[in-house]
N, C-alpha and C. Protein backbone atom coordinates (compact mmCIF):
# COMPACT_ATOMS: atom_id res chain seq x y z
N MET A 1 56.07 190.09 270.96
CA MET A 1 54.92 189.75 271.40
C MET A 1 54.47 188.67 272.48
N ARG A 2 56.05 187.98 272.77
CA ARG A 2 55.30 187.57 274.02
C ARG A 2 54.38 188.22 275.53
N GLU A 3 54.44 189.64 274.99
CA GLU A 3 54.06 190.04 276.02
C GLU A 3 51.99 190.39 275.39
N LEU A 4 52.15 189.74 273.98
CA LEU A 4 51.25 190.51 273.28
C LEU A 4 49.80 188.77 273.50
N MET A 5 50.25 188.40 273.50
CA MET A 5 50.67 186.81 273.34
C MET A 5 49.46 186.65 274.65
N PRO A 6 49.26 186.97 275.46
CA PRO A 6 48.58 186.42 276.85
C PRO A 6 46.50 187.15 276.32
N LEU A 7 47.11 188.43 276.20
CA LEU A 7 46.06 189.05 275.89
C LEU A 7 45.10 188.78 274.69
N LEU A 8 46.04 188.39 273.45
CA LEU A 8 45.14 188.24 272.39
C LEU A 8 44.45 186.38 272.52
N MET A 9 45.39 185.73 273.17
CA MET A 9 45.17 184.92 274.12
C MET A 9 43.51 184.84 274.68
N LYS A 10 43.34 186.02 275.72
CA LYS A 10 42.35 186.10 276.33
C LYS A 10 40.97 186.17 275.59
N GLY A 11 41.29 186.86 274.97
CA GLY A 11 40.06 187.37 273.59
C GLY A 11 39.73 186.66 272.45
N THR A 12 40.87 185.00 272.32
CA THR A 12 40.50 184.33 271.39
C THR A 12 39.70 183.40 272.36
N LEU A 13 39.77 183.27 273.60
CA LEU A 13 38.67 181.71 274.73
C LEU A 13 37.27 182.88 274.46
N VAL A 14 36.96 184.30 274.37
CA VAL A 14 36.03 184.92 274.66
C VAL A 14 35.42 184.32 273.56
N THR A 15 36.00 184.79 272.48
CA THR A 15 35.78 184.63 270.65
C THR A 15 35.07 182.87 270.13
N ILE A 16 35.23 182.18 271.27
CA ILE A 16 35.59 180.60 270.74
C ILE A 16 34.90 180.23 272.01
N GLU A 17 34.47 180.94 272.87
CA GLU A 17 33.17 180.61 273.80
C GLU A 17 31.56 180.65 272.37
N ILE A 18 32.01 182.25 272.34
CA ILE A 18 30.59 182.74 272.46
C ILE A 18 30.06 181.81 270.50
N ALA A 19 31.56 181.73 269.47
CA ALA A 19 31.24 180.68 269.35
C ALA A 19 30.52 179.46 269.10
N PHE A 20 30.49 178.87 270.12
CA PHE A 20 30.38 177.80 270.17
C PHE A 20 28.59 177.48 271.00
N TYR A 21 28.87 178.24 271.80
CA TYR A 21 26.70 177.98 271.98
C TYR A 21 26.72 178.92 271.12
N SER A 22 27.23 179.85 269.57
CA SER A 22 25.80 180.36 269.21
C SER A 22 25.90 179.42 267.78
N ILE A 23 26.83 178.65 267.58
CA ILE A 23 26.48 177.38 266.67
C ILE A 23 25.70 176.60 266.73
N LEU A 24 25.66 176.11 268.29
CA LEU A 24 24.30 175.19 269.14
C LEU A 24 23.32 175.68 269.17
N LEU A 25 23.07 177.10 269.38
CA LEU A 25 21.69 177.75 269.32
C LEU A 25 21.24 178.11 267.39
N ALA A 26 22.10 178.09 266.86
CA ALA A 26 21.96 178.12 265.62
C ALA A 26 21.47 176.87 264.50
N ILE A 27 21.76 175.83 265.59
CA ILE A 27 22.03 174.44 264.59
C ILE A 27 20.31 173.95 265.18
N VAL A 28 20.22 174.20 266.45
CA VAL A 28 18.35 174.17 267.56
C VAL A 28 17.75 175.73 265.92
N MET A 29 18.22 176.48 265.93
CA MET A 29 17.00 177.27 265.19
C MET A 29 17.10 177.00 263.49
N ALA A 30 18.03 176.55 263.23
CA ALA A 30 17.84 176.10 261.69
C ALA A 30 16.80 174.64 262.15
N GLY A 31 17.00 174.17 262.39
CA GLY A 31 16.02 173.02 262.59
C GLY A 31 14.66 173.11 262.71
N VAL A 32 14.63 173.89 263.83
CA VAL A 32 12.85 173.87 264.22
C VAL A 32 12.37 175.00 262.88
N ALA A 33 13.36 176.06 262.22
CA ALA A 33 12.47 176.46 261.19
C ALA A 33 12.40 175.60 260.33
N ALA A 34 13.42 175.12 259.82
CA ALA A 34 12.75 174.10 258.90
C ALA A 34 12.10 173.21 258.94
N ALA A 35 11.83 173.34 260.31
CA ALA A 35 10.72 171.87 260.32
C ALA A 35 8.65 172.89 260.25
N MET A 36 8.88 174.26 260.79
CA MET A 36 8.09 174.59 260.91
C MET A 36 7.59 175.28 258.86
N ARG A 37 8.69 176.05 258.41
CA ARG A 37 8.59 176.18 256.93
C ARG A 37 8.38 175.19 255.97
N THR A 38 8.41 173.30 256.71
CA THR A 38 7.60 172.27 256.11
C THR A 38 6.44 171.61 256.90
N ALA A 39 5.53 172.38 257.25
CA ALA A 39 4.68 171.92 258.17
C ALA A 39 3.40 171.96 257.11
N PRO A 40 2.58 171.22 257.99
CA PRO A 40 0.84 171.18 257.04
C PRO A 40 -0.03 172.31 256.83
N TRP A 41 0.71 172.86 258.67
CA TRP A 41 -0.82 173.78 258.94
C TRP A 41 0.06 175.31 258.15
N ARG A 42 -0.74 176.15 257.47
CA ARG A 42 -0.18 177.15 257.29
C ARG A 42 0.48 178.27 258.05
N PRO A 43 0.03 178.58 259.05
CA PRO A 43 -0.32 179.57 260.23
C PRO A 43 1.36 179.83 261.11
N VAL A 44 2.03 177.63 260.86
CA VAL A 44 3.13 177.72 261.49
C VAL A 44 3.88 177.96 260.19
N ARG A 45 4.22 176.95 258.92
CA ARG A 45 4.60 177.90 258.41
C ARG A 45 4.76 179.64 257.66
N TRP A 46 4.23 180.71 258.07
CA TRP A 46 4.12 181.74 258.21
C TRP A 46 4.75 182.19 259.26
N ILE A 47 4.98 181.96 259.96
CA ILE A 47 5.51 182.42 260.86
C ILE A 47 6.90 181.99 260.98
N GLY A 48 7.33 180.49 260.51
CA GLY A 48 9.04 180.05 260.03
C GLY A 48 9.70 181.10 259.12
N ASN A 49 8.45 180.99 257.72
CA ASN A 49 8.80 182.46 256.64
C ASN A 49 9.33 183.88 257.36
N VAL A 50 8.89 183.81 258.68
CA VAL A 50 8.98 185.78 258.75
C VAL A 50 9.91 185.65 259.54
N TYR A 51 10.24 184.23 260.80
CA TYR A 51 11.80 185.20 260.98
C TYR A 51 12.78 184.63 260.72
N VAL A 52 12.71 183.35 259.35
CA VAL A 52 14.10 183.58 257.99
C VAL A 52 13.84 184.79 257.71
N GLU A 53 12.55 185.37 257.10
CA GLU A 53 13.06 186.32 256.01
C GLU A 53 13.79 188.16 256.61
N ILE A 54 13.39 187.92 258.37
CA ILE A 54 13.67 189.26 258.85
C ILE A 54 15.16 188.90 259.27
N PHE A 55 14.95 188.00 259.64
CA PHE A 55 16.99 187.46 259.55
C PHE A 55 18.45 187.58 259.00
N ARG A 56 17.85 186.83 257.96
CA ARG A 56 18.37 186.94 256.86
C ARG A 56 18.22 188.44 255.32
N GLY A 57 17.51 188.88 256.30
CA GLY A 57 17.23 189.85 254.85
C GLY A 57 18.14 191.77 256.20
N THR A 58 17.99 191.18 257.31
CA THR A 58 18.44 192.64 257.88
C THR A 58 19.85 192.64 258.95
N SER A 59 20.60 193.49 258.99
CA SER A 59 21.86 193.87 259.21
C SER A 59 22.61 192.76 260.02
N LEU A 60 23.48 192.00 260.64
CA LEU A 60 23.98 190.99 261.80
C LEU A 60 23.61 192.56 262.59
N LEU A 61 24.77 193.38 262.72
CA LEU A 61 25.10 194.84 263.26
C LEU A 61 23.91 194.74 264.10
N VAL A 62 22.61 195.54 262.64
CA VAL A 62 21.63 196.36 263.43
C VAL A 62 21.35 195.24 264.61
N GLN A 63 21.19 193.94 263.79
CA GLN A 63 19.93 192.92 264.44
C GLN A 63 21.47 193.06 266.47
N LEU A 64 22.43 192.91 266.03
CA LEU A 64 22.57 193.05 267.71
C LEU A 64 22.77 194.14 268.22
N PHE A 65 22.28 195.82 267.45
CA PHE A 65 22.17 196.73 268.47
C PHE A 65 21.47 196.76 268.39
N TRP A 66 20.09 196.43 268.00
CA TRP A 66 19.00 196.15 268.91
C TRP A 66 18.10 195.22 269.90
N PHE A 67 19.12 194.61 270.06
CA PHE A 67 19.01 193.83 271.35
C PHE A 67 19.42 194.21 272.27
N PHE A 68 21.02 195.09 271.73
CA PHE A 68 21.77 195.17 273.27
C PHE A 68 20.93 196.59 273.47
N PHE A 69 20.38 197.73 272.67
CA PHE A 69 19.80 199.13 272.97
C PHE A 69 18.39 199.24 273.04
N VAL A 70 18.54 198.26 272.23
CA VAL A 70 16.12 198.66 272.31
C VAL A 70 15.73 197.81 273.16
N LEU A 71 15.69 196.72 273.35
CA LEU A 71 14.92 195.83 274.44
C LEU A 71 15.02 196.17 275.81
N PRO A 72 16.31 196.83 276.26
CA PRO A 72 15.96 197.80 277.62
C PRO A 72 15.07 198.54 277.86
N LEU A 73 14.42 199.10 276.70
CA LEU A 73 13.68 200.25 276.90
C LEU A 73 12.47 199.48 276.74
N PRO A 74 11.24 200.76 276.98
CA PRO A 74 9.69 200.74 277.13
C PRO A 74 9.30 200.23 275.34
N PRO A 75 8.56 199.33 274.90
CA PRO A 75 7.61 198.19 275.89
C PRO A 75 8.57 196.71 277.01
N PHE A 76 9.79 197.05 276.19
CA PHE A 76 10.01 195.61 276.90
C PHE A 76 10.53 195.34 277.80
N ASN A 77 11.62 196.15 277.79
CA ASN A 77 12.24 196.44 279.74
C ASN A 77 12.52 195.38 279.52
N LEU A 78 13.32 194.52 279.06
CA LEU A 78 14.72 193.02 278.35
C LEU A 78 15.77 193.62 278.55
N GLU A 79 16.58 193.86 279.94
CA GLU A 79 18.15 194.12 279.60
C GLU A 79 18.60 192.39 279.86
N LEU A 80 19.79 192.17 278.33
CA LEU A 80 20.07 190.87 278.98
C LEU A 80 21.81 191.54 278.72
N THR A 81 22.91 190.63 279.60
CA THR A 81 24.27 190.82 279.03
C THR A 81 24.89 191.03 278.32
N PRO A 82 25.62 191.17 277.74
CA PRO A 82 26.43 191.74 275.64
C PRO A 82 26.73 190.30 275.60
N PHE A 83 27.09 188.73 276.83
CA PHE A 83 27.41 187.51 275.81
C PHE A 83 26.07 187.07 275.30
N THR A 84 24.59 187.44 275.96
CA THR A 84 24.12 186.31 275.94
C THR A 84 23.60 187.33 274.39
N VAL A 85 23.64 188.44 274.50
CA VAL A 85 23.34 188.92 273.25
C VAL A 85 23.56 188.86 272.10
N ALA A 86 25.39 188.84 271.73
CA ALA A 86 26.22 187.97 271.35
C ALA A 86 25.75 186.41 271.33
N ILE A 87 25.19 185.17 271.66
CA ILE A 87 24.46 184.00 271.25
C ILE A 87 23.56 184.20 270.98
N VAL A 88 22.76 185.08 271.64
CA VAL A 88 21.62 185.25 270.79
C VAL A 88 21.63 185.56 269.38
N GLY A 89 21.70 186.94 269.27
CA GLY A 89 22.00 187.11 267.53
C GLY A 89 23.40 186.73 266.94
N LEU A 90 23.85 186.45 267.21
CA LEU A 90 24.50 185.10 266.27
C LEU A 90 23.64 183.86 265.73
N GLY A 91 23.23 183.61 267.14
CA GLY A 91 22.61 182.14 267.10
C GLY A 91 20.97 182.44 265.72
N LEU A 92 19.97 183.29 266.64
CA LEU A 92 19.05 183.44 265.42
C LEU A 92 19.60 183.92 264.07
N HIS A 93 20.65 184.35 264.27
CA HIS A 93 20.68 185.10 262.92
C HIS A 93 21.26 183.81 261.28
N TYR A 94 22.49 183.22 262.20
CA TYR A 94 22.74 182.01 261.05
C TYR A 94 21.98 180.88 261.52
N GLY A 95 21.23 180.78 262.44
CA GLY A 95 19.53 179.60 261.94
C GLY A 95 19.34 179.84 261.16
N ALA A 96 19.25 181.54 260.47
CA ALA A 96 18.05 181.46 259.34
C ALA A 96 18.27 180.75 258.64
N TYR A 97 19.57 181.21 257.87
CA TYR A 97 20.67 180.92 256.91
C TYR A 97 20.65 179.53 257.43
N GLY A 98 20.74 178.70 258.27
CA GLY A 98 20.91 177.20 258.47
C GLY A 98 19.37 176.74 258.04
N SER A 99 18.30 177.24 258.18
CA SER A 99 16.66 176.20 257.97
C SER A 99 17.02 176.73 256.62
N GLU A 100 17.97 177.30 255.50
CA GLU A 100 17.43 177.39 254.55
C GLU A 100 18.31 175.91 254.52
N ILE A 101 19.46 175.47 254.20
CA ILE A 101 20.45 175.01 254.16
C ILE A 101 19.97 173.52 254.50
N LEU A 102 19.49 173.22 255.60
CA LEU A 102 18.18 172.16 256.16
C LEU A 102 17.12 171.97 255.09
N ARG A 103 16.79 172.97 254.84
CA ARG A 103 15.67 172.63 253.76
C ARG A 103 15.71 172.32 252.67
N GLY A 104 16.14 172.48 252.06
CA GLY A 104 17.91 172.25 250.56
C GLY A 104 17.34 170.81 250.97
N ALA A 105 19.36 170.68 251.76
CA ALA A 105 18.82 168.88 252.27
C ALA A 105 18.04 167.98 252.03
N LEU A 106 16.70 168.48 253.34
CA LEU A 106 16.08 167.55 253.14
C LEU A 106 14.79 167.13 251.37
N ARG A 107 15.03 168.01 251.20
CA ARG A 107 13.94 168.23 249.73
C ARG A 107 15.22 167.50 248.65
N SER A 108 16.23 167.35 248.90
CA SER A 108 17.64 166.37 247.82
C SER A 108 17.53 164.84 248.00
N VAL A 109 16.92 164.81 249.06
CA VAL A 109 16.83 162.96 248.80
C VAL A 109 15.28 163.21 248.38
N PRO A 110 15.91 161.60 247.67
CA PRO A 110 14.98 161.30 246.04
C PRO A 110 13.58 161.13 246.61
N GLY A 111 12.06 161.07 246.19
CA GLY A 111 11.18 161.02 246.54
C GLY A 111 10.57 159.16 246.45
N GLY A 112 11.66 158.52 245.45
CA GLY A 112 11.27 157.27 246.15
C GLY A 112 11.80 156.57 247.25
N GLN A 113 12.51 157.42 248.06
CA GLN A 113 13.08 156.88 249.45
C GLN A 113 12.12 157.03 250.03
N PHE A 114 10.62 158.01 250.04
CA PHE A 114 9.80 158.42 250.73
C PHE A 114 8.70 157.18 250.48
N GLU A 115 8.65 156.93 248.81
CA GLU A 115 7.45 156.36 249.46
C GLU A 115 7.50 154.87 249.43
N ALA A 116 8.75 154.26 249.34
CA ALA A 116 9.67 153.01 249.72
C ALA A 116 9.17 153.26 251.12
N ALA A 117 9.69 154.21 251.98
CA ALA A 117 9.22 153.56 253.51
C ALA A 117 8.34 153.92 253.32
N LEU A 118 7.06 154.39 252.69
CA LEU A 118 5.32 154.97 252.96
C LEU A 118 4.75 152.94 252.89
N ALA A 119 5.82 152.67 251.87
CA ALA A 119 5.12 151.46 251.45
C ALA A 119 5.29 150.49 252.32
N LEU A 120 6.37 149.66 252.81
CA LEU A 120 6.48 149.30 254.21
C LEU A 120 5.49 149.80 255.66
N ASN A 121 4.85 151.35 255.64
CA ASN A 121 4.79 151.65 257.02
C ASN A 121 5.15 151.97 257.89
N MET A 122 6.02 152.40 257.59
CA MET A 122 6.93 152.75 258.78
C MET A 122 6.35 153.98 259.16
N PRO A 123 6.65 154.41 260.40
CA PRO A 123 6.33 155.84 261.08
C PRO A 123 7.11 156.90 261.04
N ALA A 124 6.38 157.85 261.14
CA ALA A 124 6.93 158.86 260.18
C ALA A 124 8.20 159.62 261.13
N ALA A 125 8.21 159.54 262.63
CA ALA A 125 9.57 159.45 263.18
C ALA A 125 10.45 158.93 262.74
N ILE A 126 10.14 157.37 262.70
CA ILE A 126 11.21 156.45 262.37
C ILE A 126 12.10 156.55 260.94
N ARG A 127 10.60 156.88 259.75
CA ARG A 127 11.88 157.32 258.65
C ARG A 127 11.87 158.33 258.41
N MET A 128 11.94 159.66 259.22
CA MET A 128 12.42 160.62 259.44
C MET A 128 14.70 160.40 260.02
N ARG A 129 14.17 159.45 260.99
CA ARG A 129 14.97 158.96 261.58
C ARG A 129 16.79 158.05 260.32
N ARG A 130 15.71 156.90 260.02
CA ARG A 130 17.12 156.39 260.02
C ARG A 130 16.71 156.52 258.05
N ILE A 131 16.21 157.34 258.02
CA ILE A 131 15.90 156.77 256.15
C ILE A 131 16.82 158.66 255.61
N VAL A 132 14.94 159.59 255.73
CA VAL A 132 15.75 160.79 255.43
C VAL A 132 16.81 161.73 255.74
N LEU A 133 17.09 161.73 257.19
CA LEU A 133 18.00 162.39 257.92
C LEU A 133 19.53 162.06 257.14
N PRO A 134 19.82 160.62 257.18
CA PRO A 134 21.42 160.69 257.18
C PRO A 134 21.32 160.80 256.00
N GLN A 135 20.50 160.76 254.75
CA GLN A 135 20.90 161.25 253.16
C GLN A 135 20.74 163.03 253.67
N ALA A 136 19.99 163.60 253.92
CA ALA A 136 20.06 164.96 253.61
C ALA A 136 21.32 165.36 254.63
N MET A 137 22.00 164.86 255.61
CA MET A 137 23.08 165.31 256.46
C MET A 137 24.04 165.12 255.11
N ILE A 138 24.17 164.94 254.60
CA ILE A 138 25.46 164.52 253.43
C ILE A 138 25.22 165.77 252.93
N ASN A 139 24.18 166.02 252.65
CA ASN A 139 24.29 167.34 251.35
C ASN A 139 24.23 168.23 251.91
N ALA A 140 23.72 168.69 253.74
CA ALA A 140 23.44 169.65 253.85
C ALA A 140 25.32 170.26 255.55
N LEU A 141 25.88 168.88 255.55
CA LEU A 141 27.63 169.35 255.98
C LEU A 141 28.29 169.95 255.23
N PRO A 142 28.76 169.52 253.99
CA PRO A 142 29.76 171.10 253.51
C PRO A 142 29.57 172.80 253.19
N PRO A 143 27.64 172.84 253.27
CA PRO A 143 27.45 174.07 253.30
C PRO A 143 27.26 174.68 254.63
N ALA A 144 26.77 173.72 255.49
CA ALA A 144 26.26 174.26 257.44
C ALA A 144 28.12 174.35 257.96
N THR A 145 29.28 173.52 256.80
CA THR A 145 30.18 174.31 257.54
C THR A 145 30.78 175.57 257.46
N ASN A 146 30.57 175.59 256.01
CA ASN A 146 31.07 177.59 255.63
C ASN A 146 30.06 178.45 256.25
N LEU A 147 29.01 177.93 256.76
CA LEU A 147 28.05 178.83 257.88
C LEU A 147 28.61 179.17 258.50
N MET A 148 29.30 177.83 259.35
CA MET A 148 30.15 177.71 260.60
C MET A 148 30.83 179.23 260.75
N ILE A 149 32.22 179.01 259.42
CA ILE A 149 32.94 179.52 259.40
C ILE A 149 32.51 181.13 259.59
N GLU A 150 31.55 180.91 258.85
CA GLU A 150 31.10 182.43 258.82
C GLU A 150 30.44 182.72 259.96
N LEU A 151 29.91 182.00 261.07
CA LEU A 151 29.59 183.08 261.94
C LEU A 151 30.92 182.99 262.47
N LEU A 152 31.80 182.19 262.65
CA LEU A 152 33.50 182.49 263.75
C LEU A 152 33.66 184.06 263.36
N LYS A 153 33.56 184.38 261.56
CA LYS A 153 33.61 185.41 261.62
C LYS A 153 33.23 186.64 261.91
N GLY A 154 32.05 186.14 261.57
CA GLY A 154 30.76 187.22 262.14
C GLY A 154 31.03 187.80 263.92
N THR A 155 31.09 186.98 265.05
CA THR A 155 31.80 187.17 266.19
C THR A 155 32.76 188.46 266.29
N SER A 156 33.18 188.90 265.76
CA SER A 156 33.98 190.49 265.48
C SER A 156 33.19 191.24 265.51
N LEU A 157 32.31 190.88 265.16
CA LEU A 157 30.99 192.05 264.93
C LEU A 157 30.57 191.87 267.00
N VAL A 158 31.21 191.10 267.79
CA VAL A 158 30.37 191.69 269.12
C VAL A 158 31.42 192.71 270.00
N SER A 159 32.40 193.18 269.19
CA SER A 159 33.05 193.63 269.88
C SER A 159 32.29 195.45 269.53
N LEU A 160 31.86 195.16 269.21
CA LEU A 160 30.76 196.68 269.70
C LEU A 160 30.12 197.02 270.54
N ILE A 161 29.83 196.01 271.17
CA ILE A 161 28.30 195.98 272.36
C ILE A 161 29.98 195.38 273.60
N THR A 162 30.46 195.78 273.52
CA THR A 162 31.46 195.97 274.42
C THR A 162 31.89 194.02 274.60
N LEU A 163 31.74 193.53 274.45
CA LEU A 163 32.68 191.93 274.90
C LEU A 163 33.87 192.14 274.21
N SER A 164 35.15 191.73 275.27
CA SER A 164 36.42 191.90 275.16
C SER A 164 36.32 189.78 274.49
N ASP A 165 36.03 190.59 272.90
CA ASP A 165 36.71 189.08 272.06
C ASP A 165 37.89 189.15 271.96
N LEU A 166 38.19 188.76 270.32
CA LEU A 166 39.45 188.45 269.72
C LEU A 166 39.56 190.25 269.62
N THR A 167 39.08 190.50 268.57
CA THR A 167 38.75 191.73 268.21
C THR A 167 39.31 193.38 268.87
N PHE A 168 38.36 192.45 270.01
CA PHE A 168 37.96 194.22 270.93
C PHE A 168 39.52 194.04 270.96
N ARG A 169 40.28 192.71 271.50
CA ARG A 169 42.10 192.65 272.55
C ARG A 169 42.38 193.30 271.32
N ALA A 170 42.12 192.74 269.85
CA ALA A 170 43.16 193.41 269.32
C ALA A 170 42.98 195.34 269.13
N ARG A 171 41.57 195.64 268.58
CA ARG A 171 41.58 196.67 269.23
C ARG A 171 42.57 197.77 269.52
N GLN A 172 42.44 197.44 271.23
CA GLN A 172 42.93 197.61 272.35
C GLN A 172 44.38 198.05 272.63
N LEU A 173 45.07 196.67 272.06
CA LEU A 173 46.38 196.03 272.21
C LEU A 173 47.25 197.05 270.73
N ASP A 174 46.36 197.56 270.06
CA ASP A 174 46.94 198.61 268.52
C ASP A 174 46.68 200.13 269.14
N GLU A 175 46.00 200.10 270.44
CA GLU A 175 45.75 201.64 270.47
C GLU A 175 46.84 202.20 271.53
N SER A 176 47.84 200.94 272.41
CA SER A 176 47.65 200.86 273.76
C SER A 176 49.92 200.78 273.16
N THR A 177 50.02 200.02 271.77
CA THR A 177 51.20 199.48 271.29
C THR A 177 51.87 199.98 270.24
N PHE A 178 51.05 200.57 269.52
CA PHE A 178 50.70 201.37 268.08
C PHE A 178 51.69 199.73 267.24
N LYS A 179 51.68 198.94 267.11
CA LYS A 179 51.84 197.72 266.39
C LYS A 179 50.91 197.26 265.46
N THR A 180 50.68 198.08 265.10
CA THR A 180 49.37 197.67 263.80
C THR A 180 49.67 196.14 263.05
N ALA A 181 50.76 196.20 262.65
CA ALA A 181 50.83 195.20 261.41
C ALA A 181 51.08 193.80 262.36
N GLU A 182 52.16 193.88 263.82
CA GLU A 182 52.32 192.80 264.00
C GLU A 182 51.21 192.24 264.48
N ILE A 183 50.19 193.05 265.29
CA ILE A 183 48.93 192.10 265.83
C ILE A 183 47.58 191.95 264.99
N PHE A 184 47.71 192.65 263.93
CA PHE A 184 46.16 191.85 263.28
C PHE A 184 47.50 190.69 262.04
N ALA A 185 48.13 190.94 261.99
CA ALA A 185 48.70 189.74 261.64
C ALA A 185 48.16 188.48 262.46
N LEU A 186 48.76 188.66 263.59
CA LEU A 186 48.59 187.81 265.22
C LEU A 186 46.85 187.91 264.82
N THR A 187 46.57 188.22 265.31
CA THR A 187 44.62 188.01 265.34
C THR A 187 44.07 187.77 263.90
N LEU A 188 44.74 188.10 262.77
CA LEU A 188 44.50 186.97 261.32
C LEU A 188 44.73 185.04 261.03
N LEU A 189 45.78 185.29 262.04
CA LEU A 189 46.02 184.07 262.24
C LEU A 189 45.23 183.19 262.56
N ILE A 190 45.13 183.96 264.33
CA ILE A 190 44.42 183.05 265.05
C ILE A 190 42.52 182.22 264.05
N TYR A 191 42.09 183.77 264.02
CA TYR A 191 40.54 183.51 263.29
C TYR A 191 41.36 182.12 261.96
N PHE A 192 42.18 181.98 261.27
CA PHE A 192 42.49 181.45 260.21
C PHE A 192 42.54 179.97 261.28
N VAL A 193 43.30 179.66 262.46
CA VAL A 193 43.23 178.33 262.25
C VAL A 193 42.22 178.26 262.96
N LEU A 194 41.21 178.44 264.05
CA LEU A 194 39.74 178.13 264.66
C LEU A 194 39.04 177.98 263.63
N ALA A 195 39.33 178.51 261.95
CA ALA A 195 38.01 178.05 261.72
C ALA A 195 38.57 176.66 260.64
N GLN A 196 40.31 176.89 260.18
CA GLN A 196 40.19 175.05 260.16
C GLN A 196 39.92 174.21 260.92
N VAL A 197 39.48 174.68 262.33
CA VAL A 197 39.64 173.95 263.24
C VAL A 197 38.15 173.29 262.96
N ILE A 198 37.72 174.14 262.97
CA ILE A 198 35.75 174.25 262.24
C ILE A 198 36.22 173.15 261.21
N SER A 199 36.78 173.33 260.24
CA SER A 199 36.88 172.54 259.05
C SER A 199 37.02 170.91 259.21
N TYR A 200 38.02 171.13 259.86
CA TYR A 200 38.41 169.12 260.35
C TYR A 200 36.88 168.82 261.17
N VAL A 201 37.34 168.97 262.25
CA VAL A 201 35.96 168.90 262.88
C VAL A 201 34.46 168.30 261.57
N MET A 202 34.43 169.05 260.81
CA MET A 202 33.05 168.42 260.00
C MET A 202 33.49 167.64 258.75
N ARG A 203 34.53 167.68 258.67
CA ARG A 203 35.05 167.31 257.19
C ARG A 203 35.04 166.03 258.48
N HIS A 204 34.96 165.40 259.81
CA HIS A 204 35.49 164.45 260.50
C HIS A 204 33.83 164.19 260.41
N PHE A 205 33.07 164.67 261.24
CA PHE A 205 30.71 164.63 260.63
C PHE A 205 30.81 163.67 259.50
N GLU A 206 31.19 164.81 259.02
CA GLU A 206 30.98 163.91 256.95
C GLU A 206 31.43 162.42 256.47
N ARG A 207 32.94 162.23 257.34
CA ARG A 207 32.98 161.00 257.00
C ARG A 207 32.37 160.14 258.01
N ARG A 208 31.88 160.33 258.97
CA ARG A 208 30.95 159.30 260.07
C ARG A 208 29.87 159.36 259.32
N PHE A 209 29.17 160.59 258.73
CA PHE A 209 27.86 159.74 258.22
C PHE A 209 27.97 159.19 257.30
N SER A 210 29.21 159.65 256.40
CA SER A 210 29.25 158.77 255.16
C SER A 210 28.86 157.49 255.27
N SER A 211 30.12 156.75 255.81
CA SER A 211 30.35 155.87 255.69
C SER A 211 29.12 154.65 257.02
N HIS A 212 29.24 155.92 257.37
CA HIS A 212 27.93 155.21 258.42
C HIS A 212 25.93 155.15 257.51
N LEU A 213 26.66 156.05 255.97
CA LEU A 213 25.53 155.37 255.25
C LEU A 213 25.63 154.52 254.20
N VAL A 214 26.84 153.90 254.24
CA VAL A 214 27.22 153.06 253.73
C VAL A 214 26.96 152.28 253.95
N ARG A 215 27.59 151.69 255.22
CA ARG A 215 26.81 150.49 255.75
C ARG A 215 26.00 149.79 256.05
N ARG A 216 24.77 151.17 255.63
CA ARG A 216 23.63 150.70 256.68
C ARG A 216 22.57 150.67 254.54
N THR A 217 23.02 151.13 253.75
CA THR A 217 22.95 150.54 252.41
C THR A 217 22.72 149.26 251.82
N PRO A 218 21.81 148.59 251.40
CA PRO A 218 21.93 146.94 251.49
C PRO A 218 22.30 147.40 250.17
N ARG A 219 23.37 146.28 249.79
CA ARG A 219 23.82 145.43 249.06
C ARG A 219 23.19 144.56 247.34
N ILE A 220 22.72 145.00 246.61
CA ILE A 220 21.68 144.26 245.70
C ILE A 220 22.56 143.09 245.17
N ALA A 221 21.95 141.57 245.14
CA ALA A 221 22.57 140.18 244.64
C ALA A 221 22.61 140.29 242.86
N LYS A 222 23.73 140.48 242.00
CA LYS A 222 24.26 140.95 241.24
C LYS A 222 23.48 139.02 240.71
């Protein structure tokens, strides 16, 4: 096992790097898509809906293959590295799901909050930053944690586009050593530990948002 761990650790570092950048892209795309789908202009809403429906309604594996094998062909002639394909594919795919989470969280904020902010003549940007988003994030973080863990597990598919991630290394070691049980047991354990790290970090953010919201909520005198 001492001989296997260094190779698995190399694949784990690749998996962590892909997951990190993909999560960042997914967060950005979720915010952009949610803003587009709630925009007052119909063409903007239509573009946001098309993005979400395409990436939510098709297979992630096929999307990765499309970016990797189809984009280099005419008329696109756009050749991306496997690492870039992995980040773009995972980020766009899970960003579409994230936009639904964010849109639902924004709608969960009571309407009275909007009306009170409007009555105070609060600008839209300040209203969103100080009233809406803090409350929406409390509802968005638990499902967002699940989505990030799903993204982490989805990184195993990038081994099919020649990236030497954790799954790729596990299959490589299995073919050369035939220690199937030991290798894939270790692989499962590594994915489990990475998922627990994501859960821990997100629970920390959830506690921070909750305590921040409680501190900013005015107490009504009896």
